Amino acid sequence: MCGRYQLGLGGKNKLLGYHFGVDEQQSLKLKDNYNVTPSQTMPIIITQSQNRIQMMLWGLIPKWSKDGKSLVINARSETLPIKPMFKKLLETQRCIVPSTGFYEWKKTSEGKRPYYIGIKNHELFGFAGLYDIWQNSQGEEIYSYAIITCNPNYIMSEIHNRMPVILKKDDEEKWLNPDTVEEERLLPYLKPYPDSLMTAYPISDRVNSPQNKDSFIDRPV
């Protein structure tokens, strides 16, 4: 599961535009959020002739939802080809969720302890995601997304039994490519990220509160 993550650029917003090939003016408007929780609206990368940022709600609402309450924050990679909710989205509505790290809670004898997990040096990366567009009774289109998860690598297995799919930089454009619709070509991207490129360490329980979104929240303790 992935229920919390961060997008903290520290003023280096141009980096996001460069990394994902989106318009620089779009990336300059983004604000840091070091404690993203479900139901918040965040910048997501999609492609429509070219890559662009689309603000979306975290918690996927399928287009067929009657009340807009069918929120799904994660989608298991193993079931994407067989669940009707995800099968079509895998073919046509893939996205990338920009991030600089995520949080998970490890069970210990003293209770659950929060950890920061990310790429070494807090580098910017992208989760593999799916999105849909739901229309409310006023005709307003609501974009929403879910983060795809997979089995854990060794680092994550010491903390939790699932991890979000982190795309390798070379695979990001391939994941977004609208010409690729075959599941046998897409599923190989949904695998654990290499241990050697990741870092994980315990942090303060300040992360437990969604109100705490500052850049000090991921400091090691």
Foldseek 3Di string as FASTA:
>chain_A
DFFWFWAAPPQVQQVVCVLQVEDSVQSNPDDTFGTDGAQDWDWKWADDVHIYTDIAGQFAQAQPDPASPNGDAEDELVCQCPDPSRNVQQQAFKIWGKGLWGKAWAQDPVGTFIKTKGFPPSDIFTFIKTWHWYADPVRDTHIYMYFYKYAEDPVCVNGDGIDTQTFDSVCRCVSNPNVDRDPVSNSVRRDYDDPVRMDMATFDCVSVDSVDGDPRRNDHD
